[in-house]
mmCIF file of all heavy atoms, coordinates in Angstrom:
data_MODEL
# 
_entry.id   MODEL 
# 
loop_
_atom_site.group_PDB 
_atom_site.id 
_atom_site.type_symbol 
_atom_site.label_atom_id 
_atom_site.label_alt_id 
_atom_site.label_comp_id 
_atom_site.label_asym_id 
_atom_site.label_entity_id 
_atom_site.label_seq_id 
_atom_site.pdbx_PDB_ins_code 
_atom_site.Cartn_x 
_atom_site.Cartn_y 
_atom_site.Cartn_z 
_atom_site.occupancy 
_atom_site.B_iso_or_equiv 
_atom_site.pdbx_formal_charge 
_atom_site.auth_seq_id 
_atom_site.auth_comp_id 
_atom_site.auth_asym_id 
_atom_site.auth_atom_id 
_atom_site.pdbx_PDB_model_num 
ATOM 1   N N   . ALA A 1 1  ? -133.173 22.876 181.031 1.00 0.00 ? 1  ALA A N   1 
ATOM 2   C CA  . ALA A 1 1  ? -133.789 22.721 179.710 1.00 0.00 ? 1  ALA A CA  1 
ATOM 3   C C   . ALA A 1 1  ? -132.757 22.696 178.593 1.00 0.00 ? 1  ALA A C   1 
ATOM 4   O O   . ALA A 1 1  ? -133.067 22.286 177.472 1.00 0.00 ? 1  ALA A O   1 
ATOM 5   C CB  . ALA A 1 1  ? -134.794 23.844 179.463 1.00 0.00 ? 1  ALA A CB  1 
ATOM 6   N N   . HIS A 1 2  ? -131.532 23.138 178.880 1.00 0.00 ? 2  HIS A N   1 
ATOM 7   C CA  . HIS A 1 2  ? -130.466 23.175 177.884 1.00 0.00 ? 2  HIS A CA  1 
ATOM 8   C C   . HIS A 1 2  ? -129.413 22.120 178.213 1.00 0.00 ? 2  HIS A C   1 
ATOM 9   O O   . HIS A 1 2  ? -129.070 21.911 179.377 1.00 0.00 ? 2  HIS A O   1 
ATOM 10  C CB  . HIS A 1 2  ? -129.822 24.566 177.845 1.00 0.00 ? 2  HIS A CB  1 
ATOM 11  C CG  . HIS A 1 2  ? -130.794 25.658 177.556 1.00 0.00 ? 2  HIS A CG  1 
ATOM 12  N ND1 . HIS A 1 2  ? -131.599 26.218 178.532 1.00 0.00 ? 2  HIS A ND1 1 
ATOM 13  C CD2 . HIS A 1 2  ? -131.111 26.293 176.401 1.00 0.00 ? 2  HIS A CD2 1 
ATOM 14  C CE1 . HIS A 1 2  ? -132.372 27.152 177.986 1.00 0.00 ? 2  HIS A CE1 1 
ATOM 15  N NE2 . HIS A 1 2  ? -132.092 27.216 176.703 1.00 0.00 ? 2  HIS A NE2 1 
ATOM 16  N N   . HIS A 1 3  ? -128.902 21.473 177.197 1.00 0.00 ? 3  HIS A N   1 
ATOM 17  C CA  . HIS A 1 3  ? -127.920 20.398 177.378 1.00 0.00 ? 3  HIS A CA  1 
ATOM 18  C C   . HIS A 1 3  ? -126.698 20.884 178.147 1.00 0.00 ? 3  HIS A C   1 
ATOM 19  O O   . HIS A 1 3  ? -126.151 21.948 177.866 1.00 0.00 ? 3  HIS A O   1 
ATOM 20  C CB  . HIS A 1 3  ? -127.495 19.880 175.992 1.00 0.00 ? 3  HIS A CB  1 
ATOM 21  C CG  . HIS A 1 3  ? -126.434 18.831 176.037 1.00 0.00 ? 3  HIS A CG  1 
ATOM 22  N ND1 . HIS A 1 3  ? -125.287 18.885 175.266 1.00 0.00 ? 3  HIS A ND1 1 
ATOM 23  C CD2 . HIS A 1 3  ? -126.326 17.697 176.780 1.00 0.00 ? 3  HIS A CD2 1 
ATOM 24  C CE1 . HIS A 1 3  ? -124.545 17.835 175.513 1.00 0.00 ? 3  HIS A CE1 1 
ATOM 25  N NE2 . HIS A 1 3  ? -125.141 17.097 176.420 1.00 0.00 ? 3  HIS A NE2 1 
ATOM 26  N N   . GLY A 1 4  ? -126.255 20.077 179.096 1.00 0.00 ? 4  GLY A N   1 
ATOM 27  C CA  . GLY A 1 4  ? -125.068 20.403 179.887 1.00 0.00 ? 4  GLY A CA  1 
ATOM 28  C C   . GLY A 1 4  ? -123.783 20.105 179.132 1.00 0.00 ? 4  GLY A C   1 
ATOM 29  O O   . GLY A 1 4  ? -122.958 19.277 179.551 1.00 0.00 ? 4  GLY A O   1 
ATOM 30  N N   . ASP A 1 5  ? -123.579 20.812 178.026 1.00 0.00 ? 5  ASP A N   1 
ATOM 31  C CA  . ASP A 1 5  ? -122.502 20.485 177.089 1.00 0.00 ? 5  ASP A CA  1 
ATOM 32  C C   . ASP A 1 5  ? -121.109 20.704 177.668 1.00 0.00 ? 5  ASP A C   1 
ATOM 33  O O   . ASP A 1 5  ? -120.200 19.891 177.454 1.00 0.00 ? 5  ASP A O   1 
ATOM 34  C CB  . ASP A 1 5  ? -122.669 21.278 175.791 1.00 0.00 ? 5  ASP A CB  1 
ATOM 35  C CG  . ASP A 1 5  ? -122.733 22.791 176.004 1.00 0.00 ? 5  ASP A CG  1 
ATOM 36  O OD1 . ASP A 1 5  ? -123.018 23.244 177.140 1.00 0.00 ? 5  ASP A OD1 1 
ATOM 37  O OD2 . ASP A 1 5  ? -122.517 23.525 175.020 1.00 0.00 ? 5  ASP A OD2 1 
ATOM 38  N N   . GLY A 1 6  ? -120.913 21.794 178.402 1.00 0.00 ? 6  GLY A N   1 
ATOM 39  C CA  . GLY A 1 6  ? -119.581 22.086 178.909 1.00 0.00 ? 6  GLY A CA  1 
ATOM 40  C C   . GLY A 1 6  ? -119.094 21.052 179.906 1.00 0.00 ? 6  GLY A C   1 
ATOM 41  O O   . GLY A 1 6  ? -117.905 20.717 179.933 1.00 0.00 ? 6  GLY A O   1 
ATOM 42  N N   . VAL A 1 7  ? -120.003 20.529 180.705 1.00 0.00 ? 7  VAL A N   1 
ATOM 43  C CA  . VAL A 1 7  ? -119.617 19.525 181.695 1.00 0.00 ? 7  VAL A CA  1 
ATOM 44  C C   . VAL A 1 7  ? -119.374 18.183 181.014 1.00 0.00 ? 7  VAL A C   1 
ATOM 45  O O   . VAL A 1 7  ? -118.377 17.497 181.286 1.00 0.00 ? 7  VAL A O   1 
ATOM 46  C CB  . VAL A 1 7  ? -120.687 19.400 182.798 1.00 0.00 ? 7  VAL A CB  1 
ATOM 47  C CG1 . VAL A 1 7  ? -120.239 18.406 183.864 1.00 0.00 ? 7  VAL A CG1 1 
ATOM 48  C CG2 . VAL A 1 7  ? -120.973 20.761 183.427 1.00 0.00 ? 7  VAL A CG2 1 
ATOM 49  N N   . GLU A 1 8  ? -120.262 17.809 180.114 1.00 0.00 ? 8  GLU A N   1 
ATOM 50  C CA  . GLU A 1 8  ? -120.089 16.542 179.407 1.00 0.00 ? 8  GLU A CA  1 
ATOM 51  C C   . GLU A 1 8  ? -118.742 16.500 178.685 1.00 0.00 ? 8  GLU A C   1 
ATOM 52  O O   . GLU A 1 8  ? -117.995 15.513 178.779 1.00 0.00 ? 8  GLU A O   1 
ATOM 53  C CB  . GLU A 1 8  ? -121.218 16.340 178.407 1.00 0.00 ? 8  GLU A CB  1 
ATOM 54  C CG  . GLU A 1 8  ? -121.101 15.054 177.601 1.00 0.00 ? 8  GLU A CG  1 
ATOM 55  C CD  . GLU A 1 8  ? -122.210 14.898 176.579 1.00 0.00 ? 8  GLU A CD  1 
ATOM 56  O OE1 . GLU A 1 8  ? -123.393 14.874 176.989 1.00 0.00 ? 8  GLU A OE1 1 
ATOM 57  O OE2 . GLU A 1 8  ? -121.901 14.810 175.382 1.00 0.00 ? 8  GLU A OE2 1 
ATOM 58  N N   . ASP A 1 9  ? -118.414 17.569 177.971 1.00 0.00 ? 9  ASP A N   1 
ATOM 59  C CA  . ASP A 1 9  ? -117.174 17.582 177.208 1.00 0.00 ? 9  ASP A CA  1 
ATOM 60  C C   . ASP A 1 9  ? -115.948 17.584 178.117 1.00 0.00 ? 9  ASP A C   1 
ATOM 61  O O   . ASP A 1 9  ? -114.903 17.021 177.776 1.00 0.00 ? 9  ASP A O   1 
ATOM 62  C CB  . ASP A 1 9  ? -117.126 18.795 176.288 1.00 0.00 ? 9  ASP A CB  1 
ATOM 63  C CG  . ASP A 1 9  ? -118.106 18.686 175.124 1.00 0.00 ? 9  ASP A CG  1 
ATOM 64  O OD1 . ASP A 1 9  ? -118.692 17.600 174.944 1.00 0.00 ? 9  ASP A OD1 1 
ATOM 65  O OD2 . ASP A 1 9  ? -118.293 19.680 174.409 1.00 0.00 ? 9  ASP A OD2 1 
ATOM 66  N N   . ALA A 1 10 ? -116.052 18.202 179.295 1.00 0.00 ? 10 ALA A N   1 
ATOM 67  C CA  . ALA A 1 10 ? -114.924 18.246 180.216 1.00 0.00 ? 10 ALA A CA  1 
ATOM 68  C C   . ALA A 1 10 ? -114.553 16.855 180.732 1.00 0.00 ? 10 ALA A C   1 
ATOM 69  O O   . ALA A 1 10 ? -113.392 16.610 181.082 1.00 0.00 ? 10 ALA A O   1 
ATOM 70  C CB  . ALA A 1 10 ? -115.235 19.176 181.382 1.00 0.00 ? 10 ALA A CB  1 
ATOM 71  N N   . PHE A 1 11 ? -115.533 15.948 180.772 1.00 0.00 ? 11 PHE A N   1 
ATOM 72  C CA  . PHE A 1 11 ? -115.279 14.613 181.320 1.00 0.00 ? 11 PHE A CA  1 
ATOM 73  C C   . PHE A 1 11 ? -115.482 13.528 180.270 1.00 0.00 ? 11 PHE A C   1 
ATOM 74  O O   . PHE A 1 11 ? -115.822 12.391 180.594 1.00 0.00 ? 11 PHE A O   1 
ATOM 75  C CB  . PHE A 1 11 ? -116.168 14.389 182.545 1.00 0.00 ? 11 PHE A CB  1 
ATOM 76  C CG  . PHE A 1 11 ? -115.828 15.318 183.678 1.00 0.00 ? 11 PHE A CG  1 
ATOM 77  C CD1 . PHE A 1 11 ? -116.582 16.462 183.906 1.00 0.00 ? 11 PHE A CD1 1 
ATOM 78  C CD2 . PHE A 1 11 ? -114.726 15.082 184.478 1.00 0.00 ? 11 PHE A CD2 1 
ATOM 79  C CE1 . PHE A 1 11 ? -116.254 17.337 184.927 1.00 0.00 ? 11 PHE A CE1 1 
ATOM 80  C CE2 . PHE A 1 11 ? -114.393 15.954 185.504 1.00 0.00 ? 11 PHE A CE2 1 
ATOM 81  C CZ  . PHE A 1 11 ? -115.153 17.084 185.729 1.00 0.00 ? 11 PHE A CZ  1 
ATOM 82  N N   . PHE A 1 12 ? -115.245 13.893 179.021 1.00 0.00 ? 12 PHE A N   1 
ATOM 83  C CA  . PHE A 1 12 ? -115.363 12.932 177.928 1.00 0.00 ? 12 PHE A CA  1 
ATOM 84  C C   . PHE A 1 12 ? -114.476 11.716 178.214 1.00 0.00 ? 12 PHE A C   1 
ATOM 85  O O   . PHE A 1 12 ? -113.285 11.837 178.492 1.00 0.00 ? 12 PHE A O   1 
ATOM 86  C CB  . PHE A 1 12 ? -114.930 13.602 176.617 1.00 0.00 ? 12 PHE A CB  1 
ATOM 87  C CG  . PHE A 1 12 ? -115.226 12.783 175.395 1.00 0.00 ? 12 PHE A CG  1 
ATOM 88  C CD1 . PHE A 1 12 ? -116.384 12.994 174.666 1.00 0.00 ? 12 PHE A CD1 1 
ATOM 89  C CD2 . PHE A 1 12 ? -114.349 11.789 174.972 1.00 0.00 ? 12 PHE A CD2 1 
ATOM 90  C CE1 . PHE A 1 12 ? -116.664 12.229 173.540 1.00 0.00 ? 12 PHE A CE1 1 
ATOM 91  C CE2 . PHE A 1 12 ? -114.622 11.019 173.850 1.00 0.00 ? 12 PHE A CE2 1 
ATOM 92  C CZ  . PHE A 1 12 ? -115.783 11.237 173.130 1.00 0.00 ? 12 PHE A CZ  1 
ATOM 93  N N   . ASN A 1 13 ? -115.089 10.543 178.182 1.00 0.00 ? 13 ASN A N   1 
ATOM 94  C CA  . ASN A 1 13 ? -114.364 9.280  178.334 1.00 0.00 ? 13 ASN A CA  1 
ATOM 95  C C   . ASN A 1 13 ? -113.671 9.154  179.685 1.00 0.00 ? 13 ASN A C   1 
ATOM 96  O O   . ASN A 1 13 ? -112.673 8.446  179.825 1.00 0.00 ? 13 ASN A O   1 
ATOM 97  C CB  . ASN A 1 13 ? -113.326 9.113  177.205 1.00 0.00 ? 13 ASN A CB  1 
ATOM 98  C CG  . ASN A 1 13 ? -112.955 7.662  176.985 1.00 0.00 ? 13 ASN A CG  1 
ATOM 99  O OD1 . ASN A 1 13 ? -113.741 6.756  177.244 1.00 0.00 ? 13 ASN A OD1 1 
ATOM 100 N ND2 . ASN A 1 13 ? -111.746 7.428  176.505 1.00 0.00 ? 13 ASN A ND2 1 
ATOM 101 N N   . ASP A 1 14 ? -114.213 9.843  180.704 1.00 0.00 ? 14 ASP A N   1 
ATOM 102 C CA  . ASP A 1 14 ? -113.637 9.795  182.056 1.00 0.00 ? 14 ASP A CA  1 
ATOM 103 C C   . ASP A 1 14 ? -114.384 8.739  182.868 1.00 0.00 ? 14 ASP A C   1 
ATOM 104 O O   . ASP A 1 14 ? -115.583 8.876  183.130 1.00 0.00 ? 14 ASP A O   1 
ATOM 105 C CB  . ASP A 1 14 ? -113.768 11.178 182.715 1.00 0.00 ? 14 ASP A CB  1 
ATOM 106 C CG  . ASP A 1 14 ? -113.023 11.272 184.035 1.00 0.00 ? 14 ASP A CG  1 
ATOM 107 O OD1 . ASP A 1 14 ? -113.016 10.282 184.795 1.00 0.00 ? 14 ASP A OD1 1 
ATOM 108 O OD2 . ASP A 1 14 ? -112.470 12.344 184.319 1.00 0.00 ? 14 ASP A OD2 1 
ATOM 109 N N   . GLU A 1 15 ? -113.699 7.712  183.287 1.00 0.00 ? 15 GLU A N   1 
ATOM 110 C CA  . GLU A 1 15 ? -114.352 6.608  183.981 1.00 0.00 ? 15 GLU A CA  1 
ATOM 111 C C   . GLU A 1 15 ? -114.796 6.975  185.393 1.00 0.00 ? 15 GLU A C   1 
ATOM 112 O O   . GLU A 1 15 ? -115.555 6.235  186.015 1.00 0.00 ? 15 GLU A O   1 
ATOM 113 C CB  . GLU A 1 15 ? -113.418 5.404  184.041 1.00 0.00 ? 15 GLU A CB  1 
ATOM 114 C CG  . GLU A 1 15 ? -112.160 5.643  184.841 1.00 0.00 ? 15 GLU A CG  1 
ATOM 115 C CD  . GLU A 1 15 ? -111.217 4.452  184.854 1.00 0.00 ? 15 GLU A CD  1 
ATOM 116 O OE1 . GLU A 1 15 ? -111.450 3.507  184.079 1.00 0.00 ? 15 GLU A OE1 1 
ATOM 117 O OE2 . GLU A 1 15 ? -110.262 4.464  185.656 1.00 0.00 ? 15 GLU A OE2 1 
ATOM 118 N N   . ASN A 1 16 ? -114.337 8.132  185.901 1.00 0.00 ? 16 ASN A N   1 
ATOM 119 C CA  . ASN A 1 16 ? -114.678 8.530  187.268 1.00 0.00 ? 16 ASN A CA  1 
ATOM 120 C C   . ASN A 1 16 ? -115.907 9.423  187.369 1.00 0.00 ? 16 ASN A C   1 
ATOM 121 O O   . ASN A 1 16 ? -116.478 9.559  188.444 1.00 0.00 ? 16 ASN A O   1 
ATOM 122 C CB  . ASN A 1 16 ? -113.491 9.259  187.905 1.00 0.00 ? 16 ASN A CB  1 
ATOM 123 C CG  . ASN A 1 16 ? -112.286 8.369  188.092 1.00 0.00 ? 16 ASN A CG  1 
ATOM 124 O OD1 . ASN A 1 16 ? -112.405 7.275  188.636 1.00 0.00 ? 16 ASN A OD1 1 
ATOM 125 N ND2 . ASN A 1 16 ? -111.134 8.817  187.622 1.00 0.00 ? 16 ASN A ND2 1 
ATOM 126 N N   . VAL A 1 17 ? -116.272 10.098 186.272 1.00 0.00 ? 17 VAL A N   1 
ATOM 127 C CA  . VAL A 1 17 ? -117.385 11.054 186.286 1.00 0.00 ? 17 VAL A CA  1 
ATOM 128 C C   . VAL A 1 17 ? -118.343 10.694 185.161 1.00 0.00 ? 17 VAL A C   1 
ATOM 129 O O   . VAL A 1 17 ? -117.987 10.731 183.978 1.00 0.00 ? 17 VAL A O   1 
ATOM 130 C CB  . VAL A 1 17 ? -116.888 12.504 186.110 1.00 0.00 ? 17 VAL A CB  1 
ATOM 131 C CG1 . VAL A 1 17 ? -118.078 13.472 186.146 1.00 0.00 ? 17 VAL A CG1 1 
ATOM 132 C CG2 . VAL A 1 17 ? -115.875 12.862 187.197 1.00 0.00 ? 17 VAL A CG2 1 
ATOM 133 N N   . PHE A 1 18 ? -119.568 10.344 185.533 1.00 0.00 ? 18 PHE A N   1 
ATOM 134 C CA  . PHE A 1 18 ? -120.595 9.971  184.566 1.00 0.00 ? 18 PHE A CA  1 
ATOM 135 C C   . PHE A 1 18 ? -121.623 11.091 184.510 1.00 0.00 ? 18 PHE A C   1 
ATOM 136 O O   . PHE A 1 18 ? -122.204 11.470 185.537 1.00 0.00 ? 18 PHE A O   1 
ATOM 137 C CB  . PHE A 1 18 ? -121.265 8.669  184.996 1.00 0.00 ? 18 PHE A CB  1 
ATOM 138 C CG  . PHE A 1 18 ? -122.085 8.020  183.907 1.00 0.00 ? 18 PHE A CG  1 
ATOM 139 C CD1 . PHE A 1 18 ? -121.518 7.125  183.022 1.00 0.00 ? 18 PHE A CD1 1 
ATOM 140 C CD2 . PHE A 1 18 ? -123.435 8.318  183.777 1.00 0.00 ? 18 PHE A CD2 1 
ATOM 141 C CE1 . PHE A 1 18 ? -122.274 6.516  182.026 1.00 0.00 ? 18 PHE A CE1 1 
ATOM 142 C CE2 . PHE A 1 18 ? -124.200 7.731  182.788 1.00 0.00 ? 18 PHE A CE2 1 
ATOM 143 C CZ  . PHE A 1 18 ? -123.617 6.827  181.898 1.00 0.00 ? 18 PHE A CZ  1 
ATOM 144 N N   . THR A 1 19 ? -121.860 11.661 183.329 1.00 0.00 ? 19 THR A N   1 
ATOM 145 C CA  . THR A 1 19 ? -122.791 12.775 183.183 1.00 0.00 ? 19 THR A CA  1 
ATOM 146 C C   . THR A 1 19 ? -124.089 12.305 182.544 1.00 0.00 ? 19 THR A C   1 
ATOM 147 O O   . THR A 1 19 ? -124.081 11.512 181.596 1.00 0.00 ? 19 THR A O   1 
ATOM 148 C CB  . THR A 1 19 ? -122.178 13.918 182.362 1.00 0.00 ? 19 THR A CB  1 
ATOM 149 O OG1 . THR A 1 19 ? -121.978 13.499 181.012 1.00 0.00 ? 19 THR A OG1 1 
ATOM 150 C CG2 . THR A 1 19 ? -120.847 14.374 182.943 1.00 0.00 ? 19 THR A CG2 1 
ATOM 151 N N   . ILE A 1 20 ? -125.188 12.823 183.073 1.00 0.00 ? 20 ILE A N   1 
ATOM 152 C CA  . ILE A 1 20 ? -126.534 12.531 182.552 1.00 0.00 ? 20 ILE A CA  1 
ATOM 153 C C   . ILE A 1 20 ? -127.237 13.866 182.363 1.00 0.00 ? 20 ILE A C   1 
ATOM 154 O O   . ILE A 1 20 ? -127.300 14.668 183.294 1.00 0.00 ? 20 ILE A O   1 
ATOM 155 C CB  . ILE A 1 20 ? -127.348 11.652 183.524 1.00 0.00 ? 20 ILE A CB  1 
ATOM 156 C CG1 . ILE A 1 20 ? -126.591 10.366 183.882 1.00 0.00 ? 20 ILE A CG1 1 
ATOM 157 C CG2 . ILE A 1 20 ? -128.710 11.330 182.925 1.00 0.00 ? 20 ILE A CG2 1 
ATOM 158 C CD1 . ILE A 1 20 ? -127.236 9.588  185.023 1.00 0.00 ? 20 ILE A CD1 1 
ATOM 159 N N   . SER A 1 21 ? -127.755 14.106 181.174 1.00 0.00 ? 21 SER A N   1 
ATOM 160 C CA  . SER A 1 21 ? -128.432 15.369 180.895 1.00 0.00 ? 21 SER A CA  1 
ATOM 161 C C   . SER A 1 21 ? -129.810 15.112 180.310 1.00 0.00 ? 21 SER A C   1 
ATOM 162 O O   . SER A 1 21 ? -129.953 14.397 179.316 1.00 0.00 ? 21 SER A O   1 
ATOM 163 C CB  . SER A 1 21 ? -127.605 16.214 179.916 1.00 0.00 ? 21 SER A CB  1 
ATOM 164 O OG  . SER A 1 21 ? -128.247 17.441 179.628 1.00 0.00 ? 21 SER A OG  1 
ATOM 165 N N   . VAL A 1 22 ? -130.817 15.697 180.950 1.00 0.00 ? 22 VAL A N   1 
ATOM 166 C CA  . VAL A 1 22 ? -132.194 15.687 180.443 1.00 0.00 ? 22 VAL A CA  1 
ATOM 167 C C   . VAL A 1 22 ? -132.501 17.105 179.998 1.00 0.00 ? 22 VAL A C   1 
ATOM 168 O O   . VAL A 1 22 ? -132.433 18.037 180.795 1.00 0.00 ? 22 VAL A O   1 
ATOM 169 C CB  . VAL A 1 22 ? -133.195 15.252 181.527 1.00 0.00 ? 22 VAL A CB  1 
ATOM 170 C CG1 . VAL A 1 22 ? -134.610 15.197 180.963 1.00 0.00 ? 22 VAL A CG1 1 
ATOM 171 C CG2 . VAL A 1 22 ? -132.804 13.905 182.117 1.00 0.00 ? 22 VAL A CG2 1 
ATOM 172 N N   . HIS A 1 23 ? -132.822 17.298 178.728 1.00 0.00 ? 23 HIS A N   1 
ATOM 173 C CA  . HIS A 1 23 ? -132.945 18.646 178.172 1.00 0.00 ? 23 HIS A CA  1 
ATOM 174 C C   . HIS A 1 23 ? -133.913 18.638 177.002 1.00 0.00 ? 23 HIS A C   1 
ATOM 175 O O   . HIS A 1 23 ? -134.248 17.579 176.467 1.00 0.00 ? 23 HIS A O   1 
ATOM 176 C CB  . HIS A 1 23 ? -131.568 19.156 177.720 1.00 0.00 ? 23 HIS A CB  1 
ATOM 177 C CG  . HIS A 1 23 ? -130.829 18.157 176.869 1.00 0.00 ? 23 HIS A CG  1 
ATOM 178 N ND1 . HIS A 1 23 ? -129.995 17.211 177.414 1.00 0.00 ? 23 HIS A ND1 1 
ATOM 179 C CD2 . HIS A 1 23 ? -130.829 17.936 175.538 1.00 0.00 ? 23 HIS A CD2 1 
ATOM 180 C CE1 . HIS A 1 23 ? -129.507 16.439 176.451 1.00 0.00 ? 23 HIS A CE1 1 
ATOM 181 N NE2 . HIS A 1 23 ? -129.992 16.866 175.299 1.00 0.00 ? 23 HIS A NE2 1 
ATOM 182 N N   . GLU A 1 24 ? -134.341 19.818 176.605 1.00 0.00 ? 24 GLU A N   1 
ATOM 183 C CA  . GLU A 1 24 ? -135.279 19.923 175.492 1.00 0.00 ? 24 GLU A CA  1 
ATOM 184 C C   . GLU A 1 24 ? -134.579 19.641 174.169 1.00 0.00 ? 24 GLU A C   1 
ATOM 185 O O   . GLU A 1 24 ? -133.525 20.232 173.870 1.00 0.00 ? 24 GLU A O   1 
ATOM 186 C CB  . GLU A 1 24 ? -135.918 21.309 175.461 1.00 0.00 ? 24 GLU A CB  1 
ATOM 187 C CG  . GLU A 1 24 ? -136.988 21.440 174.389 1.00 0.00 ? 24 GLU A CG  1 
ATOM 188 C CD  . GLU A 1 24 ? -137.643 22.809 174.356 1.00 0.00 ? 24 GLU A CD  1 
ATOM 189 O OE1 . GLU A 1 24 ? -137.592 23.526 175.375 1.00 0.00 ? 24 GLU A OE1 1 
ATOM 190 O OE2 . GLU A 1 24 ? -138.202 23.155 173.296 1.00 0.00 ? 24 GLU A OE2 1 
ATOM 191 N N   . ALA A 1 25 ? -135.148 18.761 173.375 1.00 0.00 ? 25 ALA A N   1 
ATOM 192 C CA  . ALA A 1 25 ? -134.592 18.443 172.064 1.00 0.00 ? 25 ALA A CA  1 
ATOM 193 C C   . ALA A 1 25 ? -134.691 19.654 171.138 1.00 0.00 ? 25 ALA A C   1 
ATOM 194 O O   . ALA A 1 25 ? -135.664 20.408 171.175 1.00 0.00 ? 25 ALA A O   1 
ATOM 195 C CB  . ALA A 1 25 ? -135.339 17.260 171.454 1.00 0.00 ? 25 ALA A CB  1 
ATOM 196 N N   . GLY A 1 26 ? -133.680 19.849 170.322 1.00 0.00 ? 26 GLY A N   1 
ATOM 197 C CA  . GLY A 1 26 ? -133.706 20.901 169.326 1.00 0.00 ? 26 GLY A CA  1 
ATOM 198 C C   . GLY A 1 26 ? -133.505 22.295 169.857 1.00 0.00 ? 26 GLY A C   1 
ATOM 199 O O   . GLY A 1 26 ? -133.745 23.272 169.145 1.00 0.00 ? 26 GLY A O   1 
ATOM 200 N N   . ARG A 1 27 ? -133.057 22.429 171.077 1.00 0.00 ? 27 ARG A N   1 
ATOM 201 C CA  . ARG A 1 27 ? -132.825 23.746 171.677 1.00 0.00 ? 27 ARG A CA  1 
ATOM 202 C C   . ARG A 1 27 ? -131.322 23.978 171.824 1.00 0.00 ? 27 ARG A C   1 
ATOM 203 O O   . ARG A 1 27 ? -130.548 23.056 171.954 1.00 0.00 ? 27 ARG A O   1 
ATOM 204 C CB  . ARG A 1 27 ? -133.533 23.831 173.045 1.00 0.00 ? 27 ARG A CB  1 
ATOM 205 C CG  . ARG A 1 27 ? -133.403 25.213 173.714 1.00 0.00 ? 27 ARG A CG  1 
ATOM 206 C CD  . ARG A 1 27 ? -134.457 25.443 174.764 1.00 0.00 ? 27 ARG A CD  1 
ATOM 207 N NE  . ARG A 1 27 ? -135.796 25.471 174.205 1.00 0.00 ? 27 ARG A NE  1 
ATOM 208 C CZ  . ARG A 1 27 ? -136.323 26.497 173.535 1.00 0.00 ? 27 ARG A CZ  1 
ATOM 209 N NH1 . ARG A 1 27 ? -135.619 27.586 173.325 1.00 0.00 ? 27 ARG A NH1 1 
ATOM 210 N NH2 . ARG A 1 27 ? -137.556 26.420 173.067 1.00 0.00 ? 27 ARG A NH2 1 
ATOM 211 N N   . TRP A 1 28 ? -130.935 25.279 171.801 1.00 0.00 ? 28 TRP A N   1 
ATOM 212 C CA  . TRP A 1 28 ? -129.530 25.617 171.977 1.00 0.00 ? 28 TRP A CA  1 
ATOM 213 C C   . TRP A 1 28 ? -128.974 24.899 173.205 1.00 0.00 ? 28 TRP A C   1 
ATOM 214 O O   . TRP A 1 28 ? -129.694 24.790 174.196 1.00 0.00 ? 28 TRP A O   1 
ATOM 215 C CB  . TRP A 1 28 ? -129.398 27.148 172.182 1.00 0.00 ? 28 TRP A CB  1 
ATOM 216 C CG  . TRP A 1 28 ? -127.978 27.630 172.138 1.00 0.00 ? 28 TRP A CG  1 
ATOM 217 C CD1 . TRP A 1 28 ? -127.308 28.099 171.065 1.00 0.00 ? 28 TRP A CD1 1 
ATOM 218 C CD2 . TRP A 1 28 ? -127.058 27.634 173.231 1.00 0.00 ? 28 TRP A CD2 1 
ATOM 219 N NE1 . TRP A 1 28 ? -126.012 28.400 171.421 1.00 0.00 ? 28 TRP A NE1 1 
ATOM 220 C CE2 . TRP A 1 28 ? -125.833 28.124 172.755 1.00 0.00 ? 28 TRP A CE2 1 
ATOM 221 C CE3 . TRP A 1 28 ? -127.136 27.266 174.568 1.00 0.00 ? 28 TRP A CE3 1 
ATOM 222 C CZ2 . TRP A 1 28 ? -124.704 28.259 173.542 1.00 0.00 ? 28 TRP A CZ2 1 
ATOM 223 C CZ3 . TRP A 1 28 ? -126.022 27.389 175.371 1.00 0.00 ? 28 TRP A CZ3 1 
ATOM 224 C CH2 . TRP A 1 28 ? -124.819 27.889 174.858 1.00 0.00 ? 28 TRP A CH2 1 
# 
């Protein structure tokens, strides 16, 4: 329910790892 922020940021602009997060809008 919470955005996977730490993983997304760890692989920012990384062509080998694509992150997809489904989470509740407006939540921490």
